[in-house]
C-alpha atoms as a PDB file:
ATOM      1  CA  SER A   1     121.344 120.997 101.015  1.00  0.00           C
ATOM      2  CA  PHE A   2     120.508 124.645 101.628  1.00  0.00           C
ATOM      3  CA  ALA A   3     116.802 124.056 100.880  1.00  0.00           C
ATOM      4  CA  ASP A   4     116.658 121.034 103.235  1.00  0.00           C
ATOM      5  CA  LEU A   5     118.237 123.052 106.045  1.00  0.00           C
ATOM      6  CA  PHE A   6     115.639 125.812 105.825  1.00  0.00           C
ATOM      7  CA  GLY A   7     112.869 123.293 105.201  1.00  0.00           C
ATOM      8  CA  ASP A   8     113.768 121.621 108.506  1.00  0.00           C
ATOM      9  CA  LEU A   9     114.007 124.922 110.342  1.00  0.00           C
ATOM     10  CA  PHE A  10     110.661 126.262 109.240  1.00  0.00           C
ATOM     11  CA  GLY A  11     108.708 123.006 109.293  1.00  0.00           C
ATOM     12  CA  GLN A  12     108.048 122.912 105.558  1.00  0.00           C
ATOM     13  CA  MET A  13     106.987 119.818 103.677  1.00  0.00           C
ATOM     14  CA  ARG A  14     109.651 117.708 101.966  1.00  0.00           C
ATOM     15  CA  THR A  15     109.784 114.457 100.100  1.00  0.00           C
ATOM     16  CA  GLY A  16     111.027 111.446 102.102  1.00  0.00           C
ATOM     17  CA  ALA A  17     113.237 108.597 100.891  1.00  0.00           C
ATOM     18  CA  GLY A  18     110.205 106.525  99.905  1.00  0.00           C
ATOM     19  CA  GLY A  19     108.808 109.288  97.682  1.00  0.00           C
ATOM     20  CA  GLY A  20     106.028 110.199 100.148  1.00  0.00           C
ATOM     21  CA  ARG A  21     105.677 113.672 101.607  1.00  0.00           C
ATOM     22  CA  GLN A  22     106.256 114.120 105.291  1.00  0.00           C
ATOM     23  CA  ARG A  23     106.483 117.080 107.605  1.00  0.00           C
ATOM     24  CA  ALA A  24     110.087 118.072 108.365  1.00  0.00           C
ATOM     25  CA  GLY A  25     111.199 117.100 111.867  1.00  0.00           C
ATOM     26  CA  VAL A  26     108.577 114.339 112.253  1.00  0.00           C
ATOM     27  CA  HIS A  27     109.959 110.822 112.063  1.00  0.00           C
ATOM     28  CA  PRO A  28     107.356 108.086 111.647  1.00  0.00           C
ATOM     29  CA  ARG A  29     107.786 105.213 114.079  1.00  0.00           C
ATOM     30  CA  GLY A  30     108.423 102.294 111.767  1.00  0.00           C
ATOM     31  CA  PRO A  31     110.362  99.081 112.318  1.00  0.00           C
ATOM     32  CA  GLU A  32     113.568  99.543 114.290  1.00  0.00           C
ATOM     33  CA  ARG A  33     116.568  97.187 114.223  1.00  0.00           C
ATOM     34  CA  GLY A  34     117.729  95.832 117.579  1.00  0.00           C
ATOM     35  CA  GLN A  35     121.047  96.887 119.066  1.00  0.00           C
ATOM     36  CA  ASP A  36     124.244  94.968 118.403  1.00  0.00           C
ATOM     37  CA  ILE A  37     125.620  93.557 121.649  1.00  0.00           C
ATOM     38  CA  VAL A  38     129.360  93.138 122.241  1.00  0.00           C
ATOM     39  CA  HIS A  39     130.384  90.431 124.713  1.00  0.00           C
ATOM     40  CA  GLU A  40     133.780  88.979 125.674  1.00  0.00           C
ATOM     41  CA  MET A  41     134.296  85.234 125.522  1.00  0.00           C
ATOM     42  CA  ALA A  42     137.271  83.371 127.024  1.00  0.00           C
ATOM     43  CA  ILE A  43     138.620  80.313 125.197  1.00  0.00           C
ATOM     44  CA  GLU A  44     141.501  77.901 125.777  1.00  0.00           C
ATOM     45  CA  VAL A  45     144.673  77.747 123.654  1.00  0.00           C
ATOM     46  CA  ASP A  46     143.695  74.423 122.028  1.00  0.00           C
ATOM     47  CA  GLU A  47     140.271  75.872 121.068  1.00  0.00           C
ATOM     48  CA  ALA A  48     142.021  78.867 119.504  1.00  0.00           C
ATOM     49  CA  ILE A  49     144.376  76.643 117.504  1.00  0.00           C
ATOM     50  CA  HIS A  50     142.042  73.841 116.392  1.00  0.00           C
ATOM     51  CA  GLY A  51     138.644  75.554 116.570  1.00  0.00           C
ATOM     52  CA  GLY A  52     135.493  73.772 117.690  1.00  0.00           C
ATOM     53  CA  GLN A  53     132.113  74.284 119.314  1.00  0.00           C
ATOM     54  CA  LYS A  54     131.614  76.023 122.639  1.00  0.00           C
ATOM     55  CA  ALA A  55     128.365  76.449 124.560  1.00  0.00           C
ATOM     56  CA  MET A  56     127.835  79.614 126.556  1.00  0.00           C
ATOM     57  CA  THR A  57     125.068  81.061 128.687  1.00  0.00           C
ATOM     58  CA  LEU A  58     124.435  84.742 128.109  1.00  0.00           C
ATOM     59  CA  SER A  59     122.368  87.114 130.242  1.00  0.00           C
ATOM     60  CA  ILE A  60     121.714  90.542 128.765  1.00  0.00           C
ATOM     61  CA  ALA A  61     119.436  93.470 129.541  1.00  0.00           C
ATOM     62  CA  ASP A  62     117.194  93.616 126.500  1.00  0.00           C
ATOM     63  CA  ARG A  63     114.049  95.308 125.224  1.00  0.00           C
ATOM     64  CA  CYS A  64     111.131  93.978 127.240  1.00  0.00           C
ATOM     65  CA  PRO A  65     109.287  91.276 125.237  1.00  0.00           C
ATOM     66  CA  GLU A  66     105.957  92.160 126.841  1.00  0.00           C
ATOM     67  CA  CYS A  67     105.812  95.884 125.983  1.00  0.00           C
ATOM     68  CA  GLY A  68     108.440  96.034 123.212  1.00  0.00           C
ATOM     69  CA  GLY A  69     110.597  98.413 125.255  1.00  0.00           C
ATOM     70  CA  VAL A  70     107.920 101.114 125.465  1.00  0.00           C
ATOM     71  CA  GLY A  71     107.294 100.648 129.203  1.00  0.00           C
ATOM     72  CA  GLY A  72     103.589  99.814 129.084  1.00  0.00           C
ATOM     73  CA  LYS A  73     100.364  99.947 127.085  1.00  0.00           C
ATOM     74  CA  THR A  74     100.151 103.057 124.930  1.00  0.00           C
ATOM     75  CA  VAL A  75      97.382 105.250 123.563  1.00  0.00           C
ATOM     76  CA  THR A  76      97.477 107.984 120.932  1.00  0.00           C
ATOM     77  CA  CYS A  77      98.642 111.251 122.485  1.00  0.00           C
ATOM     78  CA  PRO A  78      95.561 113.452 123.113  1.00  0.00           C
ATOM     79  CA  THR A  79      97.566 116.678 122.705  1.00  0.00           C
ATOM     80  CA  CYS A  80      99.062 116.094 119.236  1.00  0.00           C
ATOM     81  CA  HIS A  81      96.648 113.320 118.096  1.00  0.00           C
ATOM     82  CA  GLY A  82      99.575 111.040 117.204  1.00  0.00           C
ATOM     83  CA  THR A  83     101.530 113.462 115.007  1.00  0.00           C
ATOM     84  CA  GLY A  84     104.315 114.009 117.538  1.00  0.00           C
ATOM     85  CA  GLN A  85     104.314 117.762 116.828  1.00  0.00           C
ATOM     86  CA  GLY A  86     103.534 120.588 119.174  1.00  0.00           C
ATOM     87  CA  GLN A  87     101.923 123.848 118.160  1.00  0.00           C
ATOM     88  CA  GLY A  88     104.194 126.004 115.951  1.00  0.00           C
ATOM     89  CA  GLY A  89     107.082 127.369 117.964  1.00  0.00           C
ATOM     90  CA  PHE A  90     109.079 130.549 117.490  1.00  0.00           C
ATOM     91  CA  MET A  91     108.956 131.703 113.835  1.00  0.00           C
ATOM     92  CA  GLY A  92     107.080 128.563 112.773  1.00  0.00           C
ATOM     93  CA  PHE A  93     109.798 126.093 113.837  1.00  0.00           C
ATOM     94  CA  ALA A  94     108.523 122.530 114.115  1.00  0.00           C
ATOM     95  CA  THR A  95     108.603 121.445 117.777  1.00  0.00           C
ATOM     96  CA  ALA A  96     108.108 118.112 119.479  1.00  0.00           C
ATOM     97  CA  CYS A  97     104.856 117.675 121.363  1.00  0.00           C
ATOM     98  CA  PRO A  98     105.555 118.479 125.048  1.00  0.00           C
ATOM     99  CA  THR A  99     103.143 115.803 126.259  1.00  0.00           C
ATOM    100  CA  CYS A 100     104.607 112.812 124.373  1.00  0.00           C
ATOM    101  CA  GLN A 101     108.090 114.224 123.524  1.00  0.00           C
ATOM    102  CA  GLY A 102     107.412 113.695 119.825  1.00  0.00           C
ATOM    103  CA  THR A 103     106.512 109.984 119.938  1.00  0.00           C
ATOM    104  CA  GLY A 104     102.802 110.465 119.228  1.00  0.00           C
ATOM    105  CA  GLU A 105     101.921 108.025 122.044  1.00  0.00           C
ATOM    106  CA  GLN A 106     101.372 108.163 125.782  1.00  0.00           C
ATOM    107  CA  ILE A 107     101.798 105.306 128.255  1.00  0.00           C
ATOM    108  CA  LYS A 108      98.378 104.377 129.616  1.00  0.00           C
ATOM    109  CA  SER A 109      99.450 101.680 132.087  1.00  0.00           C
ATOM    110  CA  ARG A 110     102.867 100.520 133.273  1.00  0.00           C
ATOM    111  CA  CYS A 111     104.208  97.140 132.077  1.00  0.00           C
ATOM    112  CA  VAL A 112     104.312  94.551 134.887  1.00  0.00           C
ATOM    113  CA  THR A 113     107.243  92.614 133.346  1.00  0.00           C
ATOM    114  CA  CYS A 114     109.723  95.526 133.246  1.00  0.00           C
ATOM    115  CA  ALA A 115     107.971  97.838 135.773  1.00  0.00           C
ATOM    116  CA  GLY A 116     107.853 100.549 133.108  1.00  0.00           C
ATOM    117  CA  GLY A 117     111.605 100.594 132.487  1.00  0.00           C
ATOM    118  CA  GLY A 118     111.350  99.027 129.035  1.00  0.00           C
ATOM    119  CA  GLU A 119     114.126  96.482 129.701  1.00  0.00           C
ATOM    120  CA  ALA A 120     114.098  92.922 131.011  1.00  0.00           C
ATOM    121  CA  LEU A 121     116.895  90.441 131.673  1.00  0.00           C
ATOM    122  CA  ARG A 122     117.089  87.765 128.987  1.00  0.00           C
ATOM    123  CA  THR A 123     119.131  84.583 129.556  1.00  0.00           C
ATOM    124  CA  ARG A 124     119.789  82.048 126.837  1.00  0.00           C
ATOM    125  CA  ARG A 125     122.226  79.283 125.910  1.00  0.00           C
ATOM    126  CA  ILE A 126     124.129  79.677 122.631  1.00  0.00           C
ATOM    127  CA  ASN A 127     126.374  77.253 120.740  1.00  0.00           C
ATOM    128  CA  VAL A 128     129.289  79.130 119.175  1.00  0.00           C
ATOM    129  CA  LYS A 129     131.432  77.750 116.355  1.00  0.00           C
ATOM    130  CA  ILE A 130     135.025  78.855 116.899  1.00  0.00           C
ATOM    131  CA  PRO A 131     137.089  78.878 113.691  1.00  0.00           C
ATOM    132  CA  ALA A 132     140.611  77.445 113.823  1.00  0.00           C
ATOM    133  CA  GLY A 133     143.468  79.932 114.179  1.00  0.00           C
ATOM    134  CA  VAL A 134     141.714  82.701 116.133  1.00  0.00           C
ATOM    135  CA  ASN A 135     143.617  84.839 118.604  1.00  0.00           C
ATOM    136  CA  THR A 136     142.879  87.308 121.399  1.00  0.00           C
ATOM    137  CA  GLY A 137     140.888  90.171 119.884  1.00  0.00           C
ATOM    138  CA  SER A 138     139.343  88.063 117.102  1.00  0.00           C
ATOM    139  CA  LYS A 139     135.601  88.681 116.684  1.00  0.00           C
ATOM    140  CA  ILE A 140     132.745  86.313 115.891  1.00  0.00           C
ATOM    141  CA  ARG A 141     129.437  87.838 114.711  1.00  0.00           C
ATOM    142  CA  LEU A 142     126.242  85.891 115.389  1.00  0.00           C
ATOM    143  CA  ALA A 143     123.475  87.392 113.262  1.00  0.00           C
ATOM    144  CA  GLY A 144     120.137  87.959 114.987  1.00  0.00           C
ATOM    145  CA  GLU A 145     121.387  87.030 118.481  1.00  0.00           C
ATOM    146  CA  GLY A 146     121.639  90.624 119.769  1.00  0.00           C
ATOM    147  CA  GLY A 147     119.012  93.023 121.066  1.00  0.00           C
ATOM    148  CA  ARG A 148     115.390  92.604 120.028  1.00  0.00           C
ATOM    149  CA  GLY A 149     114.037  94.705 117.178  1.00  0.00           C
ATOM    150  CA  ALA A 150     111.084  97.021 117.749  1.00  0.00           C
ATOM    151  CA  ARG A 151     107.810  97.191 115.822  1.00  0.00           C
ATOM    152  CA  GLY A 152     108.684  94.232 113.582  1.00  0.00           C
ATOM    153  CA  GLY A 153     112.303  95.282 112.986  1.00  0.00           C
ATOM    154  CA  PRO A 154     115.078  92.673 112.796  1.00  0.00           C
ATOM    155  CA  ASP A 155     117.061  91.655 115.873  1.00  0.00           C
ATOM    156  CA  GLY A 156     120.590  93.001 116.258  1.00  0.00           C
ATOM    157  CA  ASP A 157     123.753  90.890 116.168  1.00  0.00           C
ATOM    158  CA  LEU A 158     125.844  89.441 118.986  1.00  0.00           C
ATOM    159  CA  ILE A 159     129.543  90.223 118.534  1.00  0.00           C
ATOM    160  CA  LEU A 160     131.852  87.997 120.577  1.00  0.00           C
ATOM    161  CA  VAL A 161     135.346  89.348 121.229  1.00  0.00           C
ATOM    162  CA  LEU A 162     137.612  86.382 121.970  1.00  0.00           C
ATOM    163  CA  HIS A 163     140.181  86.279 124.755  1.00  0.00           C
ATOM    164  CA  VAL A 164     142.594  83.322 124.709  1.00  0.00           C
ATOM    165  CA  ARG A 165     143.422  82.242 128.266  1.00  0.00           C
ATOM    166  CA  PRO A 166     147.126  81.807 129.059  1.00  0.00           C
ATOM    167  CA  HIS A 167     148.337  78.180 129.078  1.00  0.00           C
ATOM    168  CA  ARG A 168     150.592  76.901 131.861  1.00  0.00           C
ATOM    169  CA  LEU A 169     153.097  75.407 129.359  1.00  0.00           C
ATOM    170  CA  PHE A 170     152.520  76.905 125.920  1.00  0.00           C
ATOM    171  CA  GLN A 171     152.769  80.519 124.749  1.00  0.00           C
ATOM    172  CA  ARG A 172     151.494  81.646 121.395  1.00  0.00           C
ATOM    173  CA  GLU A 173     153.457  84.193 119.393  1.00  0.00           C
ATOM    174  CA  GLY A 174     151.681  84.936 116.135  1.00  0.00           C
ATOM    175  CA  ASP A 175     151.133  81.566 114.428  1.00  0.00           C
ATOM    176  CA  ASP A 176     153.895  79.852 116.436  1.00  0.00           C
ATOM    177  CA  ILE A 177     153.597  77.904 119.682  1.00  0.00           C
ATOM    178  CA  HIS A 178     156.493  78.214 122.152  1.00  0.00           C
ATOM    179  CA  ILE A 179     157.277  76.064 125.191  1.00  0.00           C
ATOM    180  CA  ARG A 180     160.114  76.201 127.725  1.00  0.00           C
ATOM    181  CA  VAL A 181     161.494  72.722 128.448  1.00  0.00           C
ATOM    182  CA  PRO A 182     163.951  72.359 131.333  1.00  0.00           C
ATOM    183  CA  VAL A 183     166.862  69.995 130.522  1.00  0.00           C
ATOM    184  CA  THR A 184     169.951  68.888 132.414  1.00  0.00           C
ATOM    185  CA  PHE A 185     173.508  69.537 131.228  1.00  0.00           C
ATOM    186  CA  VAL A 186     173.892  65.869 130.231  1.00  0.00           C
ATOM    187  CA  GLU A 187     170.585  65.913 128.248  1.00  0.00           C
ATOM    188  CA  ALA A 188     171.655  69.097 126.505  1.00  0.00           C
ATOM    189  CA  SER A 189     175.105  67.630 125.686  1.00  0.00           C
ATOM    190  CA  LEU A 190     174.149  64.120 124.616  1.00  0.00           C
ATOM    191  CA  GLY A 191     170.523  64.565 123.602  1.00  0.00           C
ATOM    192  CA  ALA A 192     167.484  62.887 125.142  1.00  0.00           C
ATOM    193  CA  LYS A 193     163.788  62.266 124.740  1.00  0.00           C
END
């Protein structure tokens, strides 16, 4: 709305979704849901037709479990005292603290697991249930198997995009299975098994 626009511009107080008052432009760092991860998975024609279970090993770059993706141990920013706001900018506009870039925290020491990058490689083995009748492009969503959540937030989902490998004999066209069978003239004329 018009009032919200000018409230944001001039750093005025407004009521948040939870009914509490918060300063415009400052976003409290609460729980954050992990990212959804999209990964391709190859399956055979018979798995696509009949379904079944398939085990896969997945390695993904994920939020570091040691530092939660922050990059190290943090302390409250001494410049803004944890508010994330800098001193009033031009015409009273709310600005992000230049020291902490609006996070309200500063990294005190670098994480040894991720070397301060905030990400670490995570490898795990997953059993996937493949429903019968899937085709190339079908998607399977595995809840909670994606990127790690931050500050107590839920983990994201793993979305598997299926790719059906070509078969040396059978071709699938929609719900039909086609096969080319070479026959001789005599077999074609008289019939055969």
